[in-house]
Amino acid sequence: MPVDRHRLADLSSQARSHGGRYRNLEPVPRHGLGDFLRWQLAPGRRFPKGKRYTLLRPDGYLLMNPPARPQLVWLGHASFLFQYRGLNLLTDPVLSDRASPFQLVGPKRYTPPALTVADMPDIDLVLISHNHYDHLDEPTVRQLYRRFGDRLCFCIPSGLRGWFEKRGIQNLMELGWWQSQVLADNQEIFCLPAQHFSGRTPTDTNSSLWCSWLLDIEGFRLFFAGDTGYGRLFRTVGELFSPIDLALLPIGAYDPRWFMAPVHVAPEEAVSIHQDIGARQSVAMHWGTFVLTDEPMDEPPRRLRAALERQGLNESEFRVMQHGEVWSPPLTL
């Protein structure tokens, strides 16, 4: 289905930065330090127990010789390897033991990553949704750059160029919401909105953008939601890009709702995104790797199954992959 380029141009022309800080498309509650401490210090509050899941080991031959149809591997959290038509792509690669600027403190990884950088095929493209530590991992970025060098292109939202250039990385595609870039014949990448925020220090909140991504390869559309709350923006994405062949959607890190709802969807809202964007197939992410919030680690898939049943949808339409699983979605062109 052709994209309405005039509407895209109109949307992209609308300013998103205000005084050097970015804002969401819709007004959302802002939770400051006081709210964070209210959550963290609530009487009787404890983080749920960590759980290590079964880790499948991807077949190296399949990775180096992928089939003609699209192929997906879940590395854990929001990290996937996607392969199609000779393109090898990573989403928010985080392979470290902690989602933290520190090696000894911060959210701990309970299931190891399904691949190391040394195990990977030649990576062409990396999609970065925003700069939080569980989505932008400096050790992993450095490892990827050491192995693949300037052959590897990082697709980043506005405001992150300086972070990468400070680390010697120059092959960057920096885009704002609703902007796109042609990669090759019949390949185009679109930077799309998400409802979230950014920041790696107490002073840089929202100084860089957060986003979702859509990749169109010869008519096959892959949508990577990044990290997001639920908003009307997904209906706009659906109006512009439906049908989407494969969507990677978050289902975890949602409790307590009074604090997390503006920026992290619950499984029921992930199902709404699946419907809003016109996804033929979705895959769950952002669960089962780190303990970030208050829900039990194994709750998101259970709530997702219940939400799908209430909507009359089959579990095969919104798939929960195992860590390290290699899977090919149906190809409908």
C-alpha atoms as a PDB file:
ATOM      1  CA  MET A   1       0.000   0.000   0.000  1.00  0.00           C
ATOM      2  CA  PRO A   2       1.509   3.378  -0.992  1.00  0.00           C
ATOM      3  CA  VAL A   3       2.449   5.776   1.804  1.00  0.00           C
ATOM      4  CA  ASP A   4       0.792   9.198   1.884  1.00  0.00           C
ATOM      5  CA  ARG A   5       3.967  11.273   1.445  1.00  0.00           C
ATOM      6  CA  HIS A   6       2.169  14.596   1.726  1.00  0.00           C
ATOM      7  CA  ARG A   7       0.750  13.663   5.110  1.00  0.00           C
ATOM      8  CA  LEU A   8       4.155  12.395   6.255  1.00  0.00           C
ATOM      9  CA  ALA A   9       5.772  15.675   5.224  1.00  0.00           C
ATOM     10  CA  ASP A  10       3.119  17.646   7.079  1.00  0.00           C
ATOM     11  CA  LEU A  11       3.576  15.584  10.239  1.00  0.00           C
ATOM     12  CA  SER A  12       7.365  15.795  10.134  1.00  0.00           C
ATOM     13  CA  SER A  13       7.260  19.580   9.751  1.00  0.00           C
ATOM     14  CA  GLN A  14       5.636  20.013  13.146  1.00  0.00           C
ATOM     15  CA  ALA A  15       8.262  20.977  15.732  1.00  0.00           C
ATOM     16  CA  ARG A  16       8.958  18.467  18.498  1.00  0.00           C
ATOM     17  CA  SER A  17      11.676  20.273  20.446  1.00  0.00           C
ATOM     18  CA  HIS A  18      10.810  23.009  22.942  1.00  0.00           C
ATOM     19  CA  GLY A  19      13.698  24.853  24.526  1.00  0.00           C
ATOM     20  CA  GLY A  20      16.046  22.023  23.606  1.00  0.00           C
ATOM     21  CA  ARG A  21      13.761  19.362  25.110  1.00  0.00           C
ATOM     22  CA  TYR A  22      11.479  16.966  23.252  1.00  0.00           C
ATOM     23  CA  ARG A  23       7.839  16.285  24.078  1.00  0.00           C
ATOM     24  CA  ASN A  24       5.355  13.538  23.367  1.00  0.00           C
ATOM     25  CA  LEU A  25       2.626  14.089  20.795  1.00  0.00           C
ATOM     26  CA  GLU A  26      -0.025  13.955  23.519  1.00  0.00           C
ATOM     27  CA  PRO A  27       0.205  15.500  26.997  1.00  0.00           C
ATOM     28  CA  VAL A  28       1.166  12.812  29.512  1.00  0.00           C
ATOM     29  CA  PRO A  29       1.663  13.036  33.288  1.00  0.00           C
ATOM     30  CA  ARG A  30       5.219  13.870  34.299  1.00  0.00           C
ATOM     31  CA  HIS A  31       6.613  11.908  37.217  1.00  0.00           C
ATOM     32  CA  GLY A  32       9.534  13.522  38.974  1.00  0.00           C
ATOM     33  CA  LEU A  33      11.908  12.407  41.688  1.00  0.00           C
ATOM     34  CA  GLY A  34       9.220  12.655  44.362  1.00  0.00           C
ATOM     35  CA  ASP A  35       6.956  10.226  42.480  1.00  0.00           C
ATOM     36  CA  PHE A  36       9.870   7.871  41.874  1.00  0.00           C
ATOM     37  CA  LEU A  37      10.696   7.819  45.594  1.00  0.00           C
ATOM     38  CA  ARG A  38       7.013   7.314  46.443  1.00  0.00           C
ATOM     39  CA  TRP A  39       7.094   4.189  44.276  1.00  0.00           C
ATOM     40  CA  GLN A  40      10.469   2.904  45.437  1.00  0.00           C
ATOM     41  CA  LEU A  41       9.839   3.529  49.132  1.00  0.00           C
ATOM     42  CA  ALA A  42       6.226   2.348  49.320  1.00  0.00           C
ATOM     43  CA  PRO A  43       5.624   0.363  52.544  1.00  0.00           C
ATOM     44  CA  GLY A  44       6.137  -3.357  52.003  1.00  0.00           C
ATOM     45  CA  ARG A  45       7.266  -2.930  48.403  1.00  0.00           C
ATOM     46  CA  ARG A  46       9.756  -5.462  47.046  1.00  0.00           C
ATOM     47  CA  PHE A  47      11.008  -6.161  43.561  1.00  0.00           C
ATOM     48  CA  PRO A  48       9.638  -9.488  42.275  1.00  0.00           C
ATOM     49  CA  LYS A  49      11.967 -12.471  42.125  1.00  0.00           C
ATOM     50  CA  GLY A  50      14.172 -12.861  39.084  1.00  0.00           C
ATOM     51  CA  LYS A  51      13.695 -15.873  36.862  1.00  0.00           C
ATOM     52  CA  ARG A  52      16.016 -17.493  34.349  1.00  0.00           C
ATOM     53  CA  TYR A  53      14.180 -18.785  31.292  1.00  0.00           C
ATOM     54  CA  THR A  54      15.129 -21.595  28.971  1.00  0.00           C
ATOM     55  CA  LEU A  55      17.705 -20.349  26.491  1.00  0.00           C
ATOM     56  CA  LEU A  56      17.681 -21.858  23.021  1.00  0.00           C
ATOM     57  CA  ARG A  57      20.905 -21.762  21.029  1.00  0.00           C
ATOM     58  CA  PRO A  58      20.275 -20.491  17.491  1.00  0.00           C
ATOM     59  CA  ASP A  59      21.591 -22.694  14.697  1.00  0.00           C
ATOM     60  CA  GLY A  60      24.668 -20.881  13.376  1.00  0.00           C
ATOM     61  CA  TYR A  61      24.111 -22.281   9.879  1.00  0.00           C
ATOM     62  CA  LEU A  62      20.628 -20.714   9.773  1.00  0.00           C
ATOM     63  CA  LEU A  63      22.038 -17.349  10.823  1.00  0.00           C
ATOM     64  CA  MET A  64      24.772 -17.400   8.203  1.00  0.00           C
ATOM     65  CA  ASN A  65      22.488 -18.863   5.528  1.00  0.00           C
ATOM     66  CA  PRO A  66      19.008 -17.466   6.253  1.00  0.00           C
ATOM     67  CA  PRO A  67      16.026 -18.636   4.204  1.00  0.00           C
ATOM     68  CA  ALA A  68      14.438 -16.559   1.453  1.00  0.00           C
ATOM     69  CA  ARG A  69      11.614 -15.580   3.822  1.00  0.00           C
ATOM     70  CA  PRO A  70      12.070 -13.216   6.800  1.00  0.00           C
ATOM     71  CA  GLN A  71      13.816 -14.690   9.848  1.00  0.00           C
ATOM     72  CA  LEU A  72      13.692 -13.422  13.452  1.00  0.00           C
ATOM     73  CA  VAL A  73      15.715 -14.314  16.559  1.00  0.00           C
ATOM     74  CA  TRP A  74      14.830 -12.994  20.018  1.00  0.00           C
ATOM     75  CA  LEU A  75      18.039 -12.184  21.897  1.00  0.00           C
ATOM     76  CA  GLY A  76      16.131 -11.019  25.001  1.00  0.00           C
ATOM     77  CA  HIS A  77      14.333  -7.871  26.198  1.00  0.00           C
ATOM     78  CA  ALA A  78      13.972  -5.553  23.142  1.00  0.00           C
ATOM     79  CA  SER A  79      16.887  -7.078  21.207  1.00  0.00           C
ATOM     80  CA  PHE A  80      16.150  -9.001  18.011  1.00  0.00           C
ATOM     81  CA  LEU A  81      18.114 -10.124  14.986  1.00  0.00           C
ATOM     82  CA  PHE A  82      16.001  -9.727  11.839  1.00  0.00           C
ATOM     83  CA  GLN A  83      17.168 -11.087   8.470  1.00  0.00           C
ATOM     84  CA  TYR A  84      15.578 -10.658   5.071  1.00  0.00           C
ATOM     85  CA  ARG A  85      16.713 -10.102   1.484  1.00  0.00           C
ATOM     86  CA  GLY A  86      20.394 -10.029   2.468  1.00  0.00           C
ATOM     87  CA  LEU A  87      19.861  -7.450   5.233  1.00  0.00           C
ATOM     88  CA  ASN A  88      20.889  -8.299   8.798  1.00  0.00           C
ATOM     89  CA  LEU A  89      19.388  -5.930  11.366  1.00  0.00           C
ATOM     90  CA  LEU A  90      19.508  -5.595  15.156  1.00  0.00           C
ATOM     91  CA  THR A  91      17.011  -3.784  17.371  1.00  0.00           C
ATOM     92  CA  ASP A  92      18.172  -2.083  20.594  1.00  0.00           C
ATOM     93  CA  PRO A  93      21.034  -4.551  21.143  1.00  0.00           C
ATOM     94  CA  VAL A  94      21.730  -5.007  24.859  1.00  0.00           C
ATOM     95  CA  LEU A  95      24.028  -7.940  25.635  1.00  0.00           C
ATOM     96  CA  SER A  96      25.475  -6.801  28.977  1.00  0.00           C
ATOM     97  CA  ASP A  97      24.834  -8.407  32.371  1.00  0.00           C
ATOM     98  CA  ARG A  98      23.213  -5.228  33.701  1.00  0.00           C
ATOM     99  CA  ALA A  99      21.056  -2.494  32.201  1.00  0.00           C
ATOM    100  CA  SER A 100      23.048   0.143  34.006  1.00  0.00           C
ATOM    101  CA  PRO A 101      26.017   2.504  33.703  1.00  0.00           C
ATOM    102  CA  PHE A 102      27.665   0.393  36.431  1.00  0.00           C
ATOM    103  CA  GLN A 103      28.926  -3.192  36.402  1.00  0.00           C
ATOM    104  CA  LEU A 104      27.949  -4.073  39.975  1.00  0.00           C
ATOM    105  CA  VAL A 105      24.606  -2.325  40.511  1.00  0.00           C
ATOM    106  CA  GLY A 106      21.479  -1.798  38.461  1.00  0.00           C
ATOM    107  CA  PRO A 107      18.946  -4.157  36.843  1.00  0.00           C
ATOM    108  CA  LYS A 108      20.505  -7.604  36.473  1.00  0.00           C
ATOM    109  CA  ARG A 109      20.081  -9.869  33.470  1.00  0.00           C
ATOM    110  CA  TYR A 110      18.550 -13.223  34.442  1.00  0.00           C
ATOM    111  CA  THR A 111      18.635 -15.005  31.071  1.00  0.00           C
ATOM    112  CA  PRO A 112      21.866 -14.641  29.070  1.00  0.00           C
ATOM    113  CA  PRO A 113      21.681 -13.138  25.578  1.00  0.00           C
ATOM    114  CA  ALA A 114      21.034 -15.694  22.867  1.00  0.00           C
ATOM    115  CA  LEU A 115      24.004 -14.496  20.798  1.00  0.00           C
ATOM    116  CA  THR A 116      27.292 -12.754  21.388  1.00  0.00           C
ATOM    117  CA  VAL A 117      28.636 -10.274  18.848  1.00  0.00           C
ATOM    118  CA  ALA A 118      31.136 -12.934  17.767  1.00  0.00           C
ATOM    119  CA  ASP A 119      28.237 -15.314  16.979  1.00  0.00           C
ATOM    120  CA  MET A 120      26.442 -12.879  14.699  1.00  0.00           C
ATOM    121  CA  PRO A 121      26.394 -12.719  10.919  1.00  0.00           C
ATOM    122  CA  ASP A 122      27.594  -9.477   9.338  1.00  0.00           C
ATOM    123  CA  ILE A 123      25.274  -6.822  10.729  1.00  0.00           C
ATOM    124  CA  ASP A 124      24.234  -4.058   8.326  1.00  0.00           C
ATOM    125  CA  LEU A 125      21.840  -1.958  10.399  1.00  0.00           C
ATOM    126  CA  VAL A 126      21.109  -1.276  14.067  1.00  0.00           C
ATOM    127  CA  LEU A 127      17.877   0.425  15.157  1.00  0.00           C
ATOM    128  CA  ILE A 128      18.133   2.433  18.398  1.00  0.00           C
ATOM    129  CA  SER A 129      14.806   3.568  19.857  1.00  0.00           C
ATOM    130  CA  HIS A 130      16.128   5.815  22.664  1.00  0.00           C
ATOM    131  CA  ASN A 131      18.976   6.179  25.123  1.00  0.00           C
ATOM    132  CA  HIS A 132      17.799   4.400  28.280  1.00  0.00           C
ATOM    133  CA  TYR A 133      20.305   1.845  29.524  1.00  0.00           C
ATOM    134  CA  ASP A 134      18.110  -1.158  28.760  1.00  0.00           C
ATOM    135  CA  HIS A 135      17.921  -0.030  25.101  1.00  0.00           C
ATOM    136  CA  LEU A 136      21.234   1.707  24.405  1.00  0.00           C
ATOM    137  CA  ASP A 137      24.083  -0.338  25.873  1.00  0.00           C
ATOM    138  CA  GLU A 138      27.538   1.196  25.459  1.00  0.00           C
ATOM    139  CA  PRO A 139      29.558  -2.059  25.811  1.00  0.00           C
ATOM    140  CA  THR A 140      27.426  -3.760  23.146  1.00  0.00           C
ATOM    141  CA  VAL A 141      27.650  -0.750  20.811  1.00  0.00           C
ATOM    142  CA  ARG A 142      31.447  -0.715  21.187  1.00  0.00           C
ATOM    143  CA  GLN A 143      31.683  -4.461  20.520  1.00  0.00           C
ATOM    144  CA  LEU A 144      29.575  -4.143  17.382  1.00  0.00           C
ATOM    145  CA  TYR A 145      31.666  -1.245  16.119  1.00  0.00           C
ATOM    146  CA  ARG A 146      34.927  -3.066  16.826  1.00  0.00           C
ATOM    147  CA  ARG A 147      33.795  -6.059  14.803  1.00  0.00           C
ATOM    148  CA  PHE A 148      31.924  -4.407  11.913  1.00  0.00           C
ATOM    149  CA  GLY A 149      33.363  -0.887  11.806  1.00  0.00           C
ATOM    150  CA  ASP A 150      31.890   1.654   9.421  1.00  0.00           C
ATOM    151  CA  ARG A 151      30.161  -1.063   7.392  1.00  0.00           C
ATOM    152  CA  LEU A 152      27.551  -0.966  10.151  1.00  0.00           C
ATOM    153  CA  CYS A 153      24.997   1.862  10.136  1.00  0.00           C
ATOM    154  CA  PHE A 154      23.252   2.953  13.348  1.00  0.00           C
ATOM    155  CA  CYS A 155      19.757   4.397  12.862  1.00  0.00           C
ATOM    156  CA  ILE A 156      19.176   6.827  15.724  1.00  0.00           C
ATOM    157  CA  PRO A 157      16.534   9.385  16.743  1.00  0.00           C
ATOM    158  CA  SER A 158      17.330  13.104  16.765  1.00  0.00           C
ATOM    159  CA  GLY A 159      19.770  14.251  19.419  1.00  0.00           C
ATOM    160  CA  LEU A 160      21.859  11.073  19.757  1.00  0.00           C
ATOM    161  CA  ARG A 161      24.507  11.825  17.120  1.00  0.00           C
ATOM    162  CA  GLY A 162      26.886  13.389  19.643  1.00  0.00           C
ATOM    163  CA  TRP A 163      26.807  10.324  21.902  1.00  0.00           C
ATOM    164  CA  PHE A 164      27.894   8.059  19.054  1.00  0.00           C
ATOM    165  CA  GLU A 165      30.439  10.455  17.568  1.00  0.00           C
ATOM    166  CA  LYS A 166      32.110  10.799  20.972  1.00  0.00           C
ATOM    167  CA  ARG A 167      32.766   7.058  20.712  1.00  0.00           C
ATOM    168  CA  GLY A 168      34.237   7.335  17.223  1.00  0.00           C
ATOM    169  CA  ILE A 169      31.159   6.095  15.363  1.00  0.00           C
ATOM    170  CA  GLN A 170      30.379   8.095  12.218  1.00  0.00           C
ATOM    171  CA  ASN A 171      28.090   5.910  10.095  1.00  0.00           C
ATOM    172  CA  LEU A 172      24.848   7.266  11.517  1.00  0.00           C
ATOM    173  CA  MET A 173      21.368   7.825  10.135  1.00  0.00           C
ATOM    174  CA  GLU A 174      19.757  10.390  12.446  1.00  0.00           C
ATOM    175  CA  LEU A 175      16.056  11.003  11.841  1.00  0.00           C
ATOM    176  CA  GLY A 176      13.154  12.771  13.501  1.00  0.00           C
ATOM    177  CA  TRP A 177       9.576  11.582  13.771  1.00  0.00           C
ATOM    178  CA  TRP A 178       7.852  10.874  10.443  1.00  0.00           C
ATOM    179  CA  GLN A 179      11.101  11.220   8.489  1.00  0.00           C
ATOM    180  CA  SER A 180      12.490   8.455   6.288  1.00  0.00           C
ATOM    181  CA  GLN A 181      15.610   7.444   4.406  1.00  0.00           C
ATOM    182  CA  VAL A 182      16.027   5.142   1.426  1.00  0.00           C
ATOM    183  CA  LEU A 183      18.588   2.438   2.213  1.00  0.00           C
ATOM    184  CA  ALA A 184      18.756   0.699  -1.169  1.00  0.00           C
ATOM    185  CA  ASP A 185      16.467  -0.262  -4.016  1.00  0.00           C
ATOM    186  CA  ASN A 186      13.079  -1.153  -2.502  1.00  0.00           C
ATOM    187  CA  GLN A 187      14.338  -0.585   1.063  1.00  0.00           C
ATOM    188  CA  GLU A 188      13.298   2.377   3.220  1.00  0.00           C
ATOM    189  CA  ILE A 189      13.474   3.119   6.948  1.00  0.00           C
ATOM    190  CA  PHE A 190      10.915   5.354   8.704  1.00  0.00           C
ATOM    191  CA  CYS A 191      11.413   6.995  12.104  1.00  0.00           C
ATOM    192  CA  LEU A 192       8.005   7.078  13.813  1.00  0.00           C
ATOM    193  CA  PRO A 193       6.755   8.387  17.170  1.00  0.00           C
ATOM    194  CA  ALA A 194       6.521   6.550  20.460  1.00  0.00           C
ATOM    195  CA  GLN A 195       5.153   7.776  23.794  1.00  0.00           C
ATOM    196  CA  HIS A 196       8.065   7.720  26.205  1.00  0.00           C
ATOM    197  CA  PHE A 197      10.993   9.895  27.355  1.00  0.00           C
ATOM    198  CA  SER A 198      14.794   9.876  27.259  1.00  0.00           C
ATOM    199  CA  GLY A 199      17.734  10.457  29.547  1.00  0.00           C
ATOM    200  CA  ARG A 200      20.879   8.807  30.898  1.00  0.00           C
ATOM    201  CA  THR A 201      21.743  11.310  33.636  1.00  0.00           C
ATOM    202  CA  PRO A 202      19.747  13.548  36.012  1.00  0.00           C
ATOM    203  CA  THR A 203      20.331  16.567  33.743  1.00  0.00           C
ATOM    204  CA  ASP A 204      19.676  15.307  30.182  1.00  0.00           C
ATOM    205  CA  THR A 205      15.998  14.327  30.408  1.00  0.00           C
ATOM    206  CA  ASN A 206      14.326  14.555  26.971  1.00  0.00           C
ATOM    207  CA  SER A 207      17.347  16.214  25.353  1.00  0.00           C
ATOM    208  CA  SER A 208      17.260  13.477  22.697  1.00  0.00           C
ATOM    209  CA  LEU A 209      14.267  11.957  20.963  1.00  0.00           C
ATOM    210  CA  TRP A 210      12.649   8.538  21.460  1.00  0.00           C
ATOM    211  CA  CYS A 211      10.990   6.703  18.601  1.00  0.00           C
ATOM    212  CA  SER A 212       9.682   3.584  16.944  1.00  0.00           C
ATOM    213  CA  TRP A 213      10.941   2.361  13.567  1.00  0.00           C
ATOM    214  CA  LEU A 214       9.374   0.893  10.448  1.00  0.00           C
ATOM    215  CA  LEU A 215      11.442  -0.884   7.817  1.00  0.00           C
ATOM    216  CA  ASP A 216       9.975  -1.532   4.371  1.00  0.00           C
ATOM    217  CA  ILE A 217      11.845  -4.160   2.352  1.00  0.00           C
ATOM    218  CA  GLU A 218      10.262  -4.836  -1.024  1.00  0.00           C
ATOM    219  CA  GLY A 219       6.793  -4.415   0.439  1.00  0.00           C
ATOM    220  CA  PHE A 220       7.414  -6.360   3.666  1.00  0.00           C
ATOM    221  CA  ARG A 221       6.905  -4.016   6.627  1.00  0.00           C
ATOM    222  CA  LEU A 222       8.619  -4.570   9.967  1.00  0.00           C
ATOM    223  CA  PHE A 223       7.569  -2.331  12.881  1.00  0.00           C
ATOM    224  CA  PHE A 224       9.715  -2.014  16.014  1.00  0.00           C
ATOM    225  CA  ALA A 225       7.840  -0.132  18.742  1.00  0.00           C
ATOM    226  CA  GLY A 226      10.806   0.507  21.023  1.00  0.00           C
ATOM    227  CA  ASP A 227       9.584   1.558  24.474  1.00  0.00           C
ATOM    228  CA  THR A 228       6.188   3.209  24.677  1.00  0.00           C
ATOM    229  CA  GLY A 229       2.972   4.020  26.457  1.00  0.00           C
ATOM    230  CA  TYR A 230      -0.329   3.835  24.635  1.00  0.00           C
ATOM    231  CA  GLY A 231      -1.615   6.766  22.606  1.00  0.00           C
ATOM    232  CA  ARG A 232      -3.564   7.873  19.553  1.00  0.00           C
ATOM    233  CA  LEU A 233      -0.316   7.959  17.588  1.00  0.00           C
ATOM    234  CA  PHE A 234      -0.659   4.242  16.807  1.00  0.00           C
ATOM    235  CA  ARG A 235      -3.893   4.812  14.942  1.00  0.00           C
ATOM    236  CA  THR A 236      -2.019   7.368  12.832  1.00  0.00           C
ATOM    237  CA  VAL A 237       0.724   4.822  12.162  1.00  0.00           C
ATOM    238  CA  GLY A 238      -1.941   2.353  11.083  1.00  0.00           C
ATOM    239  CA  GLU A 239      -3.592   4.891   8.793  1.00  0.00           C
ATOM    240  CA  LEU A 240      -0.261   5.529   7.066  1.00  0.00           C
ATOM    241  CA  PHE A 241       1.330   2.066   6.987  1.00  0.00           C
ATOM    242  CA  SER A 242      -1.308  -0.642   7.448  1.00  0.00           C
ATOM    243  CA  PRO A 243      -1.025  -3.514   6.837  1.00  0.00           C
ATOM    244  CA  ILE A 244       2.195  -4.123   8.774  1.00  0.00           C
ATOM    245  CA  ASP A 245       3.528  -7.629   8.257  1.00  0.00           C
ATOM    246  CA  LEU A 246       5.455  -8.015  11.510  1.00  0.00           C
ATOM    247  CA  ALA A 247       5.347  -5.849  14.657  1.00  0.00           C
ATOM    248  CA  LEU A 248       7.690  -6.159  17.647  1.00  0.00           C
ATOM    249  CA  LEU A 249       5.668  -4.857  20.603  1.00  0.00           C
ATOM    250  CA  PRO A 250       6.484  -4.428  24.320  1.00  0.00           C
ATOM    251  CA  ILE A 251       4.363  -6.241  26.892  1.00  0.00           C
ATOM    252  CA  GLY A 252       6.312  -5.797  30.164  1.00  0.00           C
ATOM    253  CA  ALA A 253       7.576  -3.258  32.739  1.00  0.00           C
ATOM    254  CA  TYR A 254       4.107  -1.833  33.433  1.00  0.00           C
ATOM    255  CA  ASP A 255       3.462  -1.862  37.206  1.00  0.00           C
ATOM    256  CA  PRO A 256       2.560   0.192  39.175  1.00  0.00           C
ATOM    257  CA  ARG A 257       0.192   1.658  36.602  1.00  0.00           C
ATOM    258  CA  TRP A 258      -0.083   5.056  38.305  1.00  0.00           C
ATOM    259  CA  PHE A 259       3.627   5.514  37.593  1.00  0.00           C
ATOM    260  CA  MET A 260       4.272   3.443  34.453  1.00  0.00           C
ATOM    261  CA  ALA A 261       1.117   3.883  32.344  1.00  0.00           C
ATOM    262  CA  PRO A 262       2.282   7.028  30.488  1.00  0.00           C
ATOM    263  CA  VAL A 263       5.464   5.359  29.228  1.00  0.00           C
ATOM    264  CA  HIS A 264       5.053   1.547  29.298  1.00  0.00           C
ATOM    265  CA  VAL A 265       2.100  -0.362  27.859  1.00  0.00           C
ATOM    266  CA  ALA A 266       0.442  -3.224  29.685  1.00  0.00           C
ATOM    267  CA  PRO A 267      -0.264  -6.385  27.642  1.00  0.00           C
ATOM    268  CA  GLU A 268      -3.866  -5.310  27.016  1.00  0.00           C
ATOM    269  CA  GLU A 269      -2.616  -2.062  25.461  1.00  0.00           C
ATOM    270  CA  ALA A 270      -0.068  -3.969  23.380  1.00  0.00           C
ATOM    271  CA  VAL A 271      -3.001  -5.847  21.848  1.00  0.00           C
ATOM    272  CA  SER A 272      -4.630  -2.490  21.075  1.00  0.00           C
ATOM    273  CA  ILE A 273      -1.435  -1.355  19.324  1.00  0.00           C
ATOM    274  CA  HIS A 274      -1.432  -4.599  17.324  1.00  0.00           C
ATOM    275  CA  GLN A 275      -4.948  -3.753  16.162  1.00  0.00           C
ATOM    276  CA  ASP A 276      -4.398  -0.015  15.675  1.00  0.00           C
ATOM    277  CA  ILE A 277      -1.422  -0.415  13.362  1.00  0.00           C
ATOM    278  CA  GLY A 278      -3.013  -3.214  11.347  1.00  0.00           C
ATOM    279  CA  ALA A 279      -0.375  -5.806  12.206  1.00  0.00           C
ATOM    280  CA  ARG A 280      -0.744  -9.163  10.508  1.00  0.00           C
ATOM    281  CA  GLN A 281       1.610 -10.687  13.046  1.00  0.00           C
ATOM    282  CA  SER A 282       3.109  -9.389  16.299  1.00  0.00           C
ATOM    283  CA  VAL A 283       5.845 -10.670  18.599  1.00  0.00           C
ATOM    284  CA  ALA A 284       6.121  -9.811  22.301  1.00  0.00           C
ATOM    285  CA  MET A 285       9.239  -8.164  23.726  1.00  0.00           C
ATOM    286  CA  HIS A 286      10.417  -6.117  26.736  1.00  0.00           C
ATOM    287  CA  TRP A 287       9.770  -8.853  29.281  1.00  0.00           C
ATOM    288  CA  GLY A 288      11.502 -11.895  30.797  1.00  0.00           C
ATOM    289  CA  THR A 289      15.090 -10.591  30.852  1.00  0.00           C
ATOM    290  CA  PHE A 290      15.457  -7.858  33.484  1.00  0.00           C
ATOM    291  CA  VAL A 291      13.388  -7.053  36.582  1.00  0.00           C
ATOM    292  CA  LEU A 292      12.546  -3.388  36.026  1.00  0.00           C
ATOM    293  CA  THR A 293       9.149  -2.932  37.660  1.00  0.00           C
ATOM    294  CA  ASP A 294       6.703  -4.505  40.107  1.00  0.00           C
ATOM    295  CA  GLU A 295       4.885  -7.190  38.100  1.00  0.00           C
ATOM    296  CA  PRO A 296       6.144 -10.794  38.366  1.00  0.00           C
ATOM    297  CA  MET A 297       8.491 -11.693  35.503  1.00  0.00           C
ATOM    298  CA  ASP A 298       6.170 -14.368  34.151  1.00  0.00           C
ATOM    299  CA  GLU A 299       2.970 -12.303  34.325  1.00  0.00           C
ATOM    300  CA  PRO A 300       3.145 -10.406  30.976  1.00  0.00           C
ATOM    301  CA  PRO A 301       2.655 -13.473  28.705  1.00  0.00           C
ATOM    302  CA  ARG A 302      -0.242 -14.693  30.873  1.00  0.00           C
ATOM    303  CA  ARG A 303      -1.977 -11.325  30.674  1.00  0.00           C
ATOM    304  CA  LEU A 304      -1.284 -11.182  26.944  1.00  0.00           C
ATOM    305  CA  ARG A 305      -2.961 -14.559  26.386  1.00  0.00           C
ATOM    306  CA  ALA A 306      -6.004 -13.446  28.364  1.00  0.00           C
ATOM    307  CA  ALA A 307      -6.216 -10.135  26.456  1.00  0.00           C
ATOM    308  CA  LEU A 308      -6.013 -11.928  23.102  1.00  0.00           C
ATOM    309  CA  GLU A 309      -8.786 -14.310  24.139  1.00  0.00           C
ATOM    310  CA  ARG A 310     -11.037 -11.411  25.157  1.00  0.00           C
ATOM    311  CA  GLN A 311     -10.484  -9.782  21.761  1.00  0.00           C
ATOM    312  CA  GLY A 312     -11.170 -13.022  19.895  1.00  0.00           C
ATOM    313  CA  LEU A 313      -7.593 -13.183  18.603  1.00  0.00           C
ATOM    314  CA  ASN A 314      -5.504 -16.314  18.267  1.00  0.00           C
ATOM    315  CA  GLU A 315      -2.221 -16.573  20.182  1.00  0.00           C
ATOM    316  CA  SER A 316      -0.518 -17.269  16.847  1.00  0.00           C
ATOM    317  CA  GLU A 317      -1.360 -13.696  15.798  1.00  0.00           C
ATOM    318  CA  PHE A 318       0.625 -12.245  18.723  1.00  0.00           C
ATOM    319  CA  ARG A 319       3.460 -14.636  19.392  1.00  0.00           C
ATOM    320  CA  VAL A 320       5.544 -15.058  22.551  1.00  0.00           C
ATOM    321  CA  MET A 321       8.980 -16.307  21.502  1.00  0.00           C
ATOM    322  CA  GLN A 322      11.487 -18.134  23.673  1.00  0.00           C
ATOM    323  CA  HIS A 323      14.906 -16.639  24.320  1.00  0.00           C
ATOM    324  CA  GLY A 324      17.062 -17.656  21.370  1.00  0.00           C
ATOM    325  CA  GLU A 325      14.170 -18.971  19.271  1.00  0.00           C
ATOM    326  CA  VAL A 326      14.586 -18.698  15.489  1.00  0.00           C
ATOM    327  CA  TRP A 327      11.286 -18.115  13.708  1.00  0.00           C
ATOM    328  CA  SER A 328      10.052 -17.099  10.271  1.00  0.00           C
ATOM    329  CA  PRO A 329       6.758 -15.160  10.073  1.00  0.00           C
ATOM    330  CA  PRO A 330       4.323 -15.875   7.263  1.00  0.00           C
ATOM    331  CA  LEU A 331       5.210 -13.993   4.093  1.00  0.00           C
ATOM    332  CA  THR A 332       2.227 -12.247   2.481  1.00  0.00           C
ATOM    333  CA  LEU A 333       3.081  -9.942  -0.393  1.00  0.00           C
END
